Amino acid sequence: MTNSLLHEFTNSEIEWMLSVGKPIDLPAGVLLIDPNYAPESLYLLLEGELALCLTQNEAAGQPDAEDAHILEFDRLALGNLVGVIPFLEDCTAHLMVRSLTPAKVFALPRSAISEKLQSDSQFAAHFYRATVFLLMRQLTRLSQRIGCNVAQLSQMQLREASMVFAELQDSDLDWLIAVGQVRQFPGDMVLIQAGRPIDEMHLVLEGAVALNLSRDFSPLLLANPNVQEEELARLSRGDLVGELLAIDAFPSNVTVRTLRETEVLSIPKWRLKAKLLHDPDFAARFYRVLALLLANKQQAVIQQLGYDTSSNELNSQRLSQLALAEARFEWMLKRIGTQLNSGEAIQW
């Protein structure tokens, strides 16, 4: 299947999906997912073509009303998953999916998927990894539709730390500390060079870094004053840098540079990839974090475009998540500090 996400799953997992789901035939022009309601199923497209749209409509449940404004930004072909984002709590994407041609989808009940995600960590790891690829595709298509680079969407991204430290467990943080290396960089030091492979994921412990979009760069040059850089975002304590190396082996067009003296915990790519391959529990949590970050970024883009009218107020669950994340980050800093008492961080 072209662009199929099924290759992320094992044969036994596909057999399980076949056992709990059912095929549905759709005529052309049918609304498969209404943006005003969370879908009851996850859909796998088997035949035909679906349109993925943003919709802004004051008349709930009436996407064809005159006051509806619809922006089509992607068309899905066979093998694509539809309706994934609602499985990520607090990430409502306000997406509408409609059949452009007669189509056939395979419907997987939301309840069955949710139970499977809780009981089967290997399936959860494969599911959230497939979700990450899907969200990356949607962000790319959306950015192309509105005429900006995906990297530019970083400036809209909300703070990452609350998601990362609320989702990962203490054992995950212990592993990061065990395999990572604390390093200190002066200001204006390059952590990631545009055009070059990313060898490490960095967790910012203190200080701040800038994500700069580089143009006309040469990957063989360490520094070139003629290369133009446009600052996209600034990350600080608790934020991840280079986290997508877990799924994307291609060089980035973003240069990451320290803004002032900065301390990071660096995790080698080979360590991270090995952990994701051999520890399905960790993989499920880590890929879920990536999916949450991408869904959060997509939500920010939709809000910027004026298609999302939902409230931005923090609810009690979100506030509890922020408190938990801050407590875990402080605990991690203390653990790192204890281990560094016998030695100093590497200076650069």
C-alpha atoms as a PDB file:
ATOM      1  CA  MET A   1       0.000   0.000   0.000  1.00  0.00           C
ATOM      2  CA  THR A   2       1.292   3.449  -0.851  1.00  0.00           C
ATOM      3  CA  ASN A   3       2.180   5.479   2.270  1.00  0.00           C
ATOM      4  CA  SER A   4       0.737   2.672   4.377  1.00  0.00           C
ATOM      5  CA  LEU A   5       1.342   2.777   8.124  1.00  0.00           C
ATOM      6  CA  LEU A   6       0.585  -0.932   8.469  1.00  0.00           C
ATOM      7  CA  HIS A   7       4.281  -1.770   8.179  1.00  0.00           C
ATOM      8  CA  GLU A   8       4.654  -0.367  11.717  1.00  0.00           C
ATOM      9  CA  PHE A   9       2.612  -3.285  13.083  1.00  0.00           C
ATOM     10  CA  THR A  10       3.327  -7.019  13.355  1.00  0.00           C
ATOM     11  CA  ASN A  11       1.255  -9.696  11.599  1.00  0.00           C
ATOM     12  CA  SER A  12      -0.333 -10.732  14.904  1.00  0.00           C
ATOM     13  CA  GLU A  13      -1.337  -7.130  15.595  1.00  0.00           C
ATOM     14  CA  ILE A  14      -2.893  -6.816  12.159  1.00  0.00           C
ATOM     15  CA  GLU A  15      -4.778 -10.076  12.774  1.00  0.00           C
ATOM     16  CA  TRP A  16      -6.056  -8.650  16.060  1.00  0.00           C
ATOM     17  CA  MET A  17      -7.271  -5.503  14.280  1.00  0.00           C
ATOM     18  CA  LEU A  18      -9.084  -7.680  11.745  1.00  0.00           C
ATOM     19  CA  SER A  19     -10.784  -9.580  14.574  1.00  0.00           C
ATOM     20  CA  VAL A  20     -12.189  -6.484  16.331  1.00  0.00           C
ATOM     21  CA  GLY A  21     -12.968  -4.238  13.366  1.00  0.00           C
ATOM     22  CA  LYS A  22     -15.349  -4.252  10.441  1.00  0.00           C
ATOM     23  CA  PRO A  23     -15.308  -2.884   6.857  1.00  0.00           C
ATOM     24  CA  ILE A  24     -17.571   0.037   5.940  1.00  0.00           C
ATOM     25  CA  ASP A  25     -18.452   1.206   2.431  1.00  0.00           C
ATOM     26  CA  LEU A  26     -18.747   4.965   1.929  1.00  0.00           C
ATOM     27  CA  PRO A  27     -20.380   6.745  -1.022  1.00  0.00           C
ATOM     28  CA  ALA A  28     -18.639   9.855  -2.321  1.00  0.00           C
ATOM     29  CA  GLY A  29     -19.261  13.021  -0.315  1.00  0.00           C
ATOM     30  CA  VAL A  30     -19.905  11.339   3.040  1.00  0.00           C
ATOM     31  CA  LEU A  31     -18.652  12.951   6.242  1.00  0.00           C
ATOM     32  CA  LEU A  32     -16.603  10.265   8.000  1.00  0.00           C
ATOM     33  CA  ILE A  33     -15.356  12.416  10.904  1.00  0.00           C
ATOM     34  CA  ASP A  34     -17.305  15.423  12.173  1.00  0.00           C
ATOM     35  CA  PRO A  35     -14.962  17.970  13.820  1.00  0.00           C
ATOM     36  CA  ASN A  36     -17.555  18.669  16.504  1.00  0.00           C
ATOM     37  CA  TYR A  37     -17.483  15.129  17.867  1.00  0.00           C
ATOM     38  CA  ALA A  38     -14.775  12.682  18.892  1.00  0.00           C
ATOM     39  CA  PRO A  39     -14.884   9.707  16.488  1.00  0.00           C
ATOM     40  CA  GLU A  40     -16.038   6.412  17.948  1.00  0.00           C
ATOM     41  CA  SER A  41     -13.608   4.503  15.748  1.00  0.00           C
ATOM     42  CA  LEU A  42     -10.156   4.600  14.247  1.00  0.00           C
ATOM     43  CA  TYR A  43     -10.350   4.055  10.481  1.00  0.00           C
ATOM     44  CA  LEU A  44      -7.945   2.404   8.076  1.00  0.00           C
ATOM     45  CA  LEU A  45      -8.493   3.441   4.453  1.00  0.00           C
ATOM     46  CA  LEU A  46      -8.714   0.394   2.158  1.00  0.00           C
ATOM     47  CA  GLU A  47     -10.094   1.879  -1.069  1.00  0.00           C
ATOM     48  CA  GLY A  48     -10.852   5.303  -2.518  1.00  0.00           C
ATOM     49  CA  GLU A  49      -9.690   8.766  -1.440  1.00  0.00           C
ATOM     50  CA  LEU A  50     -10.449  10.882   1.624  1.00  0.00           C
ATOM     51  CA  ALA A  51     -10.006  14.628   2.132  1.00  0.00           C
ATOM     52  CA  LEU A  52      -8.526  15.954   5.371  1.00  0.00           C
ATOM     53  CA  CYS A  53      -9.872  19.436   6.164  1.00  0.00           C
ATOM     54  CA  LEU A  54      -9.896  22.116   8.807  1.00  0.00           C
ATOM     55  CA  THR A  55     -13.292  23.573   9.460  1.00  0.00           C
ATOM     56  CA  GLN A  56     -14.534  26.653  11.284  1.00  0.00           C
ATOM     57  CA  ASN A  57     -18.264  26.559  11.828  1.00  0.00           C
ATOM     58  CA  GLU A  58     -20.483  28.219  14.408  1.00  0.00           C
ATOM     59  CA  ALA A  59     -23.321  25.816  13.685  1.00  0.00           C
ATOM     60  CA  ALA A  60     -22.176  22.674  15.493  1.00  0.00           C
ATOM     61  CA  GLY A  61     -22.770  19.498  13.591  1.00  0.00           C
ATOM     62  CA  GLN A  62     -23.526  21.337  10.323  1.00  0.00           C
ATOM     63  CA  PRO A  63     -20.273  21.362   8.327  1.00  0.00           C
ATOM     64  CA  ASP A  64     -22.188  22.200   5.133  1.00  0.00           C
ATOM     65  CA  ALA A  65     -23.787  25.325   6.570  1.00  0.00           C
ATOM     66  CA  GLU A  66     -23.154  28.631   4.883  1.00  0.00           C
ATOM     67  CA  ASP A  67     -21.145  29.950   7.842  1.00  0.00           C
ATOM     68  CA  ALA A  68     -18.675  27.055   7.593  1.00  0.00           C
ATOM     69  CA  HIS A  69     -15.215  27.792   6.254  1.00  0.00           C
ATOM     70  CA  ILE A  70     -13.387  24.680   5.088  1.00  0.00           C
ATOM     71  CA  LEU A  71      -9.685  24.408   4.280  1.00  0.00           C
ATOM     72  CA  GLU A  72      -8.643  21.170   2.582  1.00  0.00           C
ATOM     73  CA  PHE A  73      -4.955  20.524   3.188  1.00  0.00           C
ATOM     74  CA  ASP A  74      -4.399  16.832   2.483  1.00  0.00           C
ATOM     75  CA  ARG A  75      -5.817  13.877   0.552  1.00  0.00           C
ATOM     76  CA  LEU A  76      -5.406  10.389   1.947  1.00  0.00           C
ATOM     77  CA  ALA A  77      -4.879   7.254  -0.102  1.00  0.00           C
ATOM     78  CA  LEU A  78      -4.904   3.579   0.890  1.00  0.00           C
ATOM     79  CA  GLY A  79      -3.163   2.422   3.995  1.00  0.00           C
ATOM     80  CA  ASN A  80      -3.624   5.654   5.945  1.00  0.00           C
ATOM     81  CA  LEU A  81      -5.008   5.807   9.470  1.00  0.00           C
ATOM     82  CA  VAL A  82      -7.778   8.311  10.177  1.00  0.00           C
ATOM     83  CA  GLY A  83      -9.003   9.539  13.547  1.00  0.00           C
ATOM     84  CA  VAL A  84      -5.848   9.063  15.599  1.00  0.00           C
ATOM     85  CA  ILE A  85      -5.528  12.422  17.335  1.00  0.00           C
ATOM     86  CA  PRO A  86      -8.604  12.055  19.587  1.00  0.00           C
ATOM     87  CA  PHE A  87      -6.777   9.183  21.303  1.00  0.00           C
ATOM     88  CA  LEU A  88      -4.319  11.778  22.623  1.00  0.00           C
ATOM     89  CA  GLU A  89      -6.009  13.461  25.594  1.00  0.00           C
ATOM     90  CA  ASP A  90      -6.458  17.253  25.436  1.00  0.00           C
ATOM     91  CA  CYS A  91      -5.403  17.350  21.756  1.00  0.00           C
ATOM     92  CA  THR A  92      -8.560  18.049  19.763  1.00  0.00           C
ATOM     93  CA  ALA A  93      -7.524  18.894  16.230  1.00  0.00           C
ATOM     94  CA  HIS A  94     -10.843  20.114  14.787  1.00  0.00           C
ATOM     95  CA  LEU A  95     -10.290  18.048  11.660  1.00  0.00           C
ATOM     96  CA  MET A  96     -12.985  16.992   9.231  1.00  0.00           C
ATOM     97  CA  VAL A  97     -12.641  13.897   7.034  1.00  0.00           C
ATOM     98  CA  ARG A  98     -14.850  13.434   3.987  1.00  0.00           C
ATOM     99  CA  SER A  99     -14.890  10.857   1.190  1.00  0.00           C
ATOM    100  CA  LEU A 100     -13.947  12.348  -2.193  1.00  0.00           C
ATOM    101  CA  THR A 101     -14.741   9.140  -4.061  1.00  0.00           C
ATOM    102  CA  PRO A 102     -16.599   5.936  -3.182  1.00  0.00           C
ATOM    103  CA  ALA A 103     -14.383   4.475  -0.482  1.00  0.00           C
ATOM    104  CA  LYS A 104     -14.006   1.540   1.881  1.00  0.00           C
ATOM    105  CA  VAL A 105     -12.613   1.918   5.400  1.00  0.00           C
ATOM    106  CA  PHE A 106     -11.946  -0.573   8.151  1.00  0.00           C
ATOM    107  CA  ALA A 107     -13.415   0.686  11.435  1.00  0.00           C
ATOM    108  CA  LEU A 108     -11.629  -0.177  14.696  1.00  0.00           C
ATOM    109  CA  PRO A 109     -13.719   0.596  17.824  1.00  0.00           C
ATOM    110  CA  ARG A 110     -12.223   3.288  20.034  1.00  0.00           C
ATOM    111  CA  SER A 111     -12.884   1.226  23.168  1.00  0.00           C
ATOM    112  CA  ALA A 112     -11.007  -1.792  21.798  1.00  0.00           C
ATOM    113  CA  ILE A 113      -8.009   0.296  20.756  1.00  0.00           C
ATOM    114  CA  SER A 114      -7.903   2.079  24.123  1.00  0.00           C
ATOM    115  CA  GLU A 115      -7.957  -1.216  26.011  1.00  0.00           C
ATOM    116  CA  LYS A 116      -5.263  -2.668  23.754  1.00  0.00           C
ATOM    117  CA  LEU A 117      -3.040   0.374  24.322  1.00  0.00           C
ATOM    118  CA  GLN A 118      -3.307  -0.137  28.069  1.00  0.00           C
ATOM    119  CA  SER A 119      -2.699  -3.891  28.083  1.00  0.00           C
ATOM    120  CA  ASP A 120      -0.147  -4.401  25.280  1.00  0.00           C
ATOM    121  CA  SER A 121       2.952  -2.189  25.455  1.00  0.00           C
ATOM    122  CA  GLN A 122       4.380  -3.530  22.199  1.00  0.00           C
ATOM    123  CA  PHE A 123       1.189  -2.655  20.328  1.00  0.00           C
ATOM    124  CA  ALA A 124       1.158   0.755  22.055  1.00  0.00           C
ATOM    125  CA  ALA A 125       4.730   1.417  20.915  1.00  0.00           C
ATOM    126  CA  HIS A 126       3.856   0.513  17.308  1.00  0.00           C
ATOM    127  CA  PHE A 127       0.603   2.498  17.437  1.00  0.00           C
ATOM    128  CA  TYR A 128       2.157   5.696  18.788  1.00  0.00           C
ATOM    129  CA  ARG A 129       5.099   5.413  16.394  1.00  0.00           C
ATOM    130  CA  ALA A 130       2.636   5.170  13.489  1.00  0.00           C
ATOM    131  CA  THR A 131       0.775   8.138  14.978  1.00  0.00           C
ATOM    132  CA  VAL A 132       3.994  10.184  14.997  1.00  0.00           C
ATOM    133  CA  PHE A 133       4.531   9.508  11.286  1.00  0.00           C
ATOM    134  CA  LEU A 134       0.909  10.425  10.578  1.00  0.00           C
ATOM    135  CA  LEU A 135       1.128  13.700  12.505  1.00  0.00           C
ATOM    136  CA  MET A 136       4.418  14.597  10.827  1.00  0.00           C
ATOM    137  CA  ARG A 137       2.766  14.075   7.435  1.00  0.00           C
ATOM    138  CA  GLN A 138      -0.212  16.217   8.441  1.00  0.00           C
ATOM    139  CA  LEU A 139       2.048  19.014   9.695  1.00  0.00           C
ATOM    140  CA  THR A 140       4.042  18.908   6.476  1.00  0.00           C
ATOM    141  CA  ARG A 141       0.904  19.065   4.336  1.00  0.00           C
ATOM    142  CA  LEU A 142      -0.583  21.802   6.495  1.00  0.00           C
ATOM    143  CA  SER A 143       2.590  23.878   6.298  1.00  0.00           C
ATOM    144  CA  GLN A 144       2.670  23.475   2.520  1.00  0.00           C
ATOM    145  CA  ARG A 145      -0.957  24.546   2.316  1.00  0.00           C
ATOM    146  CA  ILE A 146      -0.382  27.756   4.280  1.00  0.00           C
ATOM    147  CA  GLY A 147       3.010  28.433   2.696  1.00  0.00           C
ATOM    148  CA  CYS A 148       5.522  27.958   5.493  1.00  0.00           C
ATOM    149  CA  ASN A 149       8.292  25.526   6.383  1.00  0.00           C
ATOM    150  CA  VAL A 150       7.612  22.827   8.978  1.00  0.00           C
ATOM    151  CA  ALA A 151      10.532  24.175  11.001  1.00  0.00           C
ATOM    152  CA  GLN A 152       8.734  27.507  11.278  1.00  0.00           C
ATOM    153  CA  LEU A 153       5.954  25.788  13.176  1.00  0.00           C
ATOM    154  CA  SER A 154       8.383  25.358  16.091  1.00  0.00           C
ATOM    155  CA  GLN A 155       7.819  28.957  17.117  1.00  0.00           C
ATOM    156  CA  MET A 156       4.167  28.105  17.805  1.00  0.00           C
ATOM    157  CA  GLN A 157       4.955  25.076  19.911  1.00  0.00           C
ATOM    158  CA  LEU A 158       4.004  25.264  23.580  1.00  0.00           C
ATOM    159  CA  ARG A 159       6.486  24.386  26.292  1.00  0.00           C
ATOM    160  CA  GLU A 160       7.518  20.740  26.031  1.00  0.00           C
ATOM    161  CA  ALA A 161       8.686  19.990  29.564  1.00  0.00           C
ATOM    162  CA  SER A 162       5.225  19.515  31.072  1.00  0.00           C
ATOM    163  CA  MET A 163       4.392  16.809  28.532  1.00  0.00           C
ATOM    164  CA  VAL A 164       7.733  15.027  28.664  1.00  0.00           C
ATOM    165  CA  PHE A 165       8.052  14.738  32.442  1.00  0.00           C
ATOM    166  CA  ALA A 166       4.369  14.031  33.070  1.00  0.00           C
ATOM    167  CA  GLU A 167       4.374  11.088  30.629  1.00  0.00           C
ATOM    168  CA  LEU A 168       7.731   9.448  31.368  1.00  0.00           C
ATOM    169  CA  GLN A 169       8.167   7.355  34.511  1.00  0.00           C
ATOM    170  CA  ASP A 170      10.892   7.583  37.153  1.00  0.00           C
ATOM    171  CA  SER A 171      12.553   4.490  35.690  1.00  0.00           C
ATOM    172  CA  ASP A 172      12.760   6.250  32.308  1.00  0.00           C
ATOM    173  CA  LEU A 173      14.451   9.249  33.893  1.00  0.00           C
ATOM    174  CA  ASP A 174      16.866   6.903  35.717  1.00  0.00           C
ATOM    175  CA  TRP A 175      17.810   5.376  32.369  1.00  0.00           C
ATOM    176  CA  LEU A 176      18.353   8.786  30.750  1.00  0.00           C
ATOM    177  CA  ILE A 177      20.636   9.764  33.633  1.00  0.00           C
ATOM    178  CA  ALA A 178      22.539   6.453  33.450  1.00  0.00           C
ATOM    179  CA  VAL A 179      23.288   6.567  29.712  1.00  0.00           C
ATOM    180  CA  GLY A 180      23.455  10.327  29.292  1.00  0.00           C
ATOM    181  CA  GLN A 181      26.390  12.666  29.719  1.00  0.00           C
ATOM    182  CA  VAL A 182      26.166  16.069  31.373  1.00  0.00           C
ATOM    183  CA  ARG A 183      27.888  18.700  29.266  1.00  0.00           C
ATOM    184  CA  GLN A 184      28.356  22.427  29.682  1.00  0.00           C
ATOM    185  CA  PHE A 185      28.548  24.774  26.699  1.00  0.00           C
ATOM    186  CA  PRO A 186      29.408  28.466  26.522  1.00  0.00           C
ATOM    187  CA  GLY A 187      27.134  30.904  24.725  1.00  0.00           C
ATOM    188  CA  ASP A 188      26.942  30.863  20.902  1.00  0.00           C
ATOM    189  CA  MET A 189      27.988  27.194  20.681  1.00  0.00           C
ATOM    190  CA  VAL A 190      26.445  24.936  18.030  1.00  0.00           C
ATOM    191  CA  LEU A 191      24.753  21.806  19.430  1.00  0.00           C
ATOM    192  CA  ILE A 192      23.225  20.672  16.134  1.00  0.00           C
ATOM    193  CA  GLN A 193      24.557  21.788  12.746  1.00  0.00           C
ATOM    194  CA  ALA A 194      22.087  22.169   9.894  1.00  0.00           C
ATOM    195  CA  GLY A 195      22.662  19.627   7.137  1.00  0.00           C
ATOM    196  CA  ARG A 196      24.500  17.188   9.379  1.00  0.00           C
ATOM    197  CA  PRO A 197      23.162  14.016  11.009  1.00  0.00           C
ATOM    198  CA  ILE A 198      21.930  14.350  14.598  1.00  0.00           C
ATOM    199  CA  ASP A 199      23.945  12.008  16.805  1.00  0.00           C
ATOM    200  CA  GLU A 200      22.440  12.891  20.181  1.00  0.00           C
ATOM    201  CA  MET A 201      19.241  13.946  21.869  1.00  0.00           C
ATOM    202  CA  HIS A 202      19.744  16.752  24.379  1.00  0.00           C
ATOM    203  CA  LEU A 203      17.748  17.603  27.497  1.00  0.00           C
ATOM    204  CA  VAL A 204      18.304  21.216  28.561  1.00  0.00           C
ATOM    205  CA  LEU A 205      19.083  21.287  32.299  1.00  0.00           C
ATOM    206  CA  GLU A 206      20.014  24.972  32.606  1.00  0.00           C
ATOM    207  CA  GLY A 207      20.394  27.841  30.154  1.00  0.00           C
ATOM    208  CA  ALA A 208      18.689  28.321  26.790  1.00  0.00           C
ATOM    209  CA  VAL A 209      19.147  27.425  23.122  1.00  0.00           C
ATOM    210  CA  ALA A 210      17.823  28.890  19.880  1.00  0.00           C
ATOM    211  CA  LEU A 211      16.441  26.907  16.957  1.00  0.00           C
ATOM    212  CA  ASN A 212      17.562  28.683  13.794  1.00  0.00           C
ATOM    213  CA  LEU A 213      16.417  27.884  10.264  1.00  0.00           C
ATOM    214  CA  SER A 214      19.563  27.840   8.097  1.00  0.00           C
ATOM    215  CA  ARG A 215      19.502  28.690   4.399  1.00  0.00           C
ATOM    216  CA  ASP A 216      22.111  27.869   1.725  1.00  0.00           C
ATOM    217  CA  PHE A 217      24.276  25.962   4.166  1.00  0.00           C
ATOM    218  CA  SER A 218      27.039  23.507   3.380  1.00  0.00           C
ATOM    219  CA  PRO A 219      27.103  20.421   5.612  1.00  0.00           C
ATOM    220  CA  LEU A 220      30.906  20.213   5.280  1.00  0.00           C
ATOM    221  CA  LEU A 221      31.498  23.622   6.852  1.00  0.00           C
ATOM    222  CA  LEU A 222      31.754  24.019  10.625  1.00  0.00           C
ATOM    223  CA  ALA A 223      30.916  27.695  10.399  1.00  0.00           C
ATOM    224  CA  ASN A 224      30.088  30.050   7.594  1.00  0.00           C
ATOM    225  CA  PRO A 225      29.338  33.741   8.311  1.00  0.00           C
ATOM    226  CA  ASN A 226      27.513  33.993   4.976  1.00  0.00           C
ATOM    227  CA  VAL A 227      24.865  31.429   5.900  1.00  0.00           C
ATOM    228  CA  GLN A 228      21.593  33.151   6.776  1.00  0.00           C
ATOM    229  CA  GLU A 229      19.815  31.987   9.920  1.00  0.00           C
ATOM    230  CA  GLU A 230      16.285  32.833  11.034  1.00  0.00           C
ATOM    231  CA  GLU A 231      15.424  32.241  14.676  1.00  0.00           C
ATOM    232  CA  LEU A 232      12.353  30.051  15.007  1.00  0.00           C
ATOM    233  CA  ALA A 233      12.111  29.279  18.692  1.00  0.00           C
ATOM    234  CA  ARG A 234      13.914  29.318  22.018  1.00  0.00           C
ATOM    235  CA  LEU A 235      14.032  26.328  24.347  1.00  0.00           C
ATOM    236  CA  SER A 236      15.018  26.334  28.022  1.00  0.00           C
ATOM    237  CA  ARG A 237      15.240  24.059  31.068  1.00  0.00           C
ATOM    238  CA  GLY A 238      13.292  20.838  30.697  1.00  0.00           C
ATOM    239  CA  ASP A 239      12.980  21.003  26.911  1.00  0.00           C
ATOM    240  CA  LEU A 240      14.184  18.337  24.474  1.00  0.00           C
ATOM    241  CA  VAL A 241      16.405  19.048  21.476  1.00  0.00           C
ATOM    242  CA  GLY A 242      16.775  16.533  18.643  1.00  0.00           C
ATOM    243  CA  GLU A 243      14.080  14.173  19.945  1.00  0.00           C
ATOM    244  CA  LEU A 244      12.850  13.282  16.462  1.00  0.00           C
ATOM    245  CA  LEU A 245      16.142  11.513  15.710  1.00  0.00           C
ATOM    246  CA  ALA A 246      14.344   8.448  17.103  1.00  0.00           C
ATOM    247  CA  ILE A 247      12.291   8.205  13.916  1.00  0.00           C
ATOM    248  CA  ASP A 248      13.983  10.503  11.390  1.00  0.00           C
ATOM    249  CA  ALA A 249      17.524   9.715  10.270  1.00  0.00           C
ATOM    250  CA  PHE A 250      17.721  12.574   7.784  1.00  0.00           C
ATOM    251  CA  PRO A 251      19.738  15.733   8.500  1.00  0.00           C
ATOM    252  CA  SER A 252      17.784  18.773   9.615  1.00  0.00           C
ATOM    253  CA  ASN A 253      17.837  22.275   8.148  1.00  0.00           C
ATOM    254  CA  VAL A 254      17.741  23.693  11.682  1.00  0.00           C
ATOM    255  CA  THR A 255      20.862  24.766  13.572  1.00  0.00           C
ATOM    256  CA  VAL A 256      20.623  24.639  17.362  1.00  0.00           C
ATOM    257  CA  ARG A 257      22.823  27.209  19.091  1.00  0.00           C
ATOM    258  CA  THR A 258      23.260  28.106  22.771  1.00  0.00           C
ATOM    259  CA  LEU A 259      22.118  31.589  23.750  1.00  0.00           C
ATOM    260  CA  ARG A 260      24.147  31.676  26.953  1.00  0.00           C
ATOM    261  CA  GLU A 261      26.060  29.254  29.145  1.00  0.00           C
ATOM    262  CA  THR A 262      23.995  26.087  28.957  1.00  0.00           C
ATOM    263  CA  GLU A 263      24.053  22.673  30.613  1.00  0.00           C
ATOM    264  CA  VAL A 264      22.522  19.684  28.844  1.00  0.00           C
ATOM    265  CA  LEU A 265      22.138  15.954  29.337  1.00  0.00           C
ATOM    266  CA  SER A 266      23.137  14.299  26.037  1.00  0.00           C
ATOM    267  CA  ILE A 267      21.822  10.830  25.115  1.00  0.00           C
ATOM    268  CA  PRO A 268      23.571   9.079  22.196  1.00  0.00           C
ATOM    269  CA  LYS A 269      21.338   8.161  19.268  1.00  0.00           C
ATOM    270  CA  TRP A 270      22.445   4.521  19.253  1.00  0.00           C
ATOM    271  CA  ARG A 271      21.525   4.186  22.933  1.00  0.00           C
ATOM    272  CA  LEU A 272      18.092   5.677  22.375  1.00  0.00           C
ATOM    273  CA  LYS A 273      17.350   3.548  19.313  1.00  0.00           C
ATOM    274  CA  ALA A 274      18.468   0.367  21.103  1.00  0.00           C
ATOM    275  CA  LYS A 275      16.262   1.214  24.085  1.00  0.00           C
ATOM    276  CA  LEU A 276      13.262   1.833  21.853  1.00  0.00           C
ATOM    277  CA  LEU A 277      13.842  -1.458  20.061  1.00  0.00           C
ATOM    278  CA  HIS A 278      14.307  -3.659  23.132  1.00  0.00           C
ATOM    279  CA  ASP A 279      12.083  -2.007  25.764  1.00  0.00           C
ATOM    280  CA  PRO A 280       8.457  -1.812  24.510  1.00  0.00           C
ATOM    281  CA  ASP A 281       7.209  -0.142  27.715  1.00  0.00           C
ATOM    282  CA  PHE A 282       9.684   2.719  27.335  1.00  0.00           C
ATOM    283  CA  ALA A 283       9.041   2.873  23.582  1.00  0.00           C
ATOM    284  CA  ALA A 284       5.288   3.213  24.130  1.00  0.00           C
ATOM    285  CA  ARG A 285       5.775   6.110  26.545  1.00  0.00           C
ATOM    286  CA  PHE A 286       8.453   7.831  24.440  1.00  0.00           C
ATOM    287  CA  TYR A 287       6.540   7.645  21.148  1.00  0.00           C
ATOM    288  CA  ARG A 288       3.421   8.844  22.961  1.00  0.00           C
ATOM    289  CA  VAL A 289       5.430  11.878  24.141  1.00  0.00           C
ATOM    290  CA  LEU A 290       6.478  12.594  20.539  1.00  0.00           C
ATOM    291  CA  ALA A 291       2.886  12.211  19.355  1.00  0.00           C
ATOM    292  CA  LEU A 292       1.675  14.608  22.063  1.00  0.00           C
ATOM    293  CA  LEU A 293       4.308  17.185  21.116  1.00  0.00           C
ATOM    294  CA  LEU A 294       3.363  16.997  17.427  1.00  0.00           C
ATOM    295  CA  ALA A 295      -0.374  17.083  18.161  1.00  0.00           C
ATOM    296  CA  ASN A 296       0.201  20.083  20.427  1.00  0.00           C
ATOM    297  CA  LYS A 297       2.134  21.819  17.655  1.00  0.00           C
ATOM    298  CA  GLN A 298      -0.638  21.071  15.170  1.00  0.00           C
ATOM    299  CA  GLN A 299      -3.207  22.464  17.580  1.00  0.00           C
ATOM    300  CA  ALA A 300      -1.158  25.658  17.917  1.00  0.00           C
ATOM    301  CA  VAL A 301      -1.055  26.023  14.123  1.00  0.00           C
ATOM    302  CA  ILE A 302      -4.813  25.535  13.884  1.00  0.00           C
ATOM    303  CA  GLN A 303      -5.353  28.194  16.550  1.00  0.00           C
ATOM    304  CA  GLN A 304      -3.038  30.565  14.677  1.00  0.00           C
ATOM    305  CA  LEU A 305      -5.148  30.065  11.560  1.00  0.00           C
ATOM    306  CA  GLY A 306      -8.317  30.864  13.497  1.00  0.00           C
ATOM    307  CA  TYR A 307      -9.979  27.468  13.009  1.00  0.00           C
ATOM    308  CA  ASP A 308      -9.955  26.423  16.660  1.00  0.00           C
ATOM    309  CA  THR A 309     -12.298  28.309  18.973  1.00  0.00           C
ATOM    310  CA  SER A 310     -11.763  26.092  22.032  1.00  0.00           C
ATOM    311  CA  SER A 311     -10.725  27.620  25.336  1.00  0.00           C
ATOM    312  CA  ASN A 312      -7.035  27.891  26.205  1.00  0.00           C
ATOM    313  CA  GLU A 313      -7.669  27.916  29.946  1.00  0.00           C
ATOM    314  CA  LEU A 314      -5.809  25.334  32.001  1.00  0.00           C
ATOM    315  CA  ASN A 315      -8.110  22.796  33.629  1.00  0.00           C
ATOM    316  CA  SER A 316      -7.382  21.036  36.928  1.00  0.00           C
ATOM    317  CA  GLN A 317      -5.953  17.975  35.172  1.00  0.00           C
ATOM    318  CA  ARG A 318      -3.552  20.130  33.170  1.00  0.00           C
ATOM    319  CA  LEU A 319      -2.479  22.006  36.313  1.00  0.00           C
ATOM    320  CA  SER A 320      -1.823  18.684  38.081  1.00  0.00           C
ATOM    321  CA  GLN A 321       0.220  17.559  35.090  1.00  0.00           C
ATOM    322  CA  LEU A 322       2.318  20.737  35.247  1.00  0.00           C
ATOM    323  CA  ALA A 323       2.944  20.250  38.977  1.00  0.00           C
ATOM    324  CA  LEU A 324       3.943  16.612  38.441  1.00  0.00           C
ATOM    325  CA  ALA A 325       6.272  17.523  35.579  1.00  0.00           C
ATOM    326  CA  GLU A 326       8.022  20.221  37.607  1.00  0.00           C
ATOM    327  CA  ALA A 327       8.460  17.875  40.584  1.00  0.00           C
ATOM    328  CA  ARG A 328       9.940  15.140  38.397  1.00  0.00           C
ATOM    329  CA  PHE A 329      12.311  17.552  36.678  1.00  0.00           C
ATOM    330  CA  GLU A 330      13.584  18.874  40.018  1.00  0.00           C
ATOM    331  CA  TRP A 331      14.007  15.287  41.232  1.00  0.00           C
ATOM    332  CA  MET A 332      16.009  14.500  38.106  1.00  0.00           C
ATOM    333  CA  LEU A 333      18.264  17.518  38.655  1.00  0.00           C
ATOM    334  CA  LYS A 334      18.982  16.351  42.213  1.00  0.00           C
ATOM    335  CA  ARG A 335      19.840  12.850  41.005  1.00  0.00           C
ATOM    336  CA  ILE A 336      22.194  14.270  38.379  1.00  0.00           C
ATOM    337  CA  GLY A 337      23.765  16.578  40.956  1.00  0.00           C
ATOM    338  CA  THR A 338      24.388  13.659  43.301  1.00  0.00           C
ATOM    339  CA  GLN A 339      26.154  11.684  40.566  1.00  0.00           C
ATOM    340  CA  LEU A 340      28.271  14.705  39.605  1.00  0.00           C
ATOM    341  CA  ASN A 341      29.624  15.132  43.135  1.00  0.00           C
ATOM    342  CA  SER A 342      32.377  12.678  42.245  1.00  0.00           C
ATOM    343  CA  GLY A 343      33.252  14.507  39.006  1.00  0.00           C
ATOM    344  CA  GLU A 344      32.590  17.593  36.914  1.00  0.00           C
ATOM    345  CA  ALA A 345      30.486  17.990  33.808  1.00  0.00           C
ATOM    346  CA  ILE A 346      32.379  18.009  30.526  1.00  0.00           C
ATOM    347  CA  GLN A 347      33.280  21.559  29.488  1.00  0.00           C
ATOM    348  CA  TRP A 348      33.200  22.634  25.855  1.00  0.00           C
END
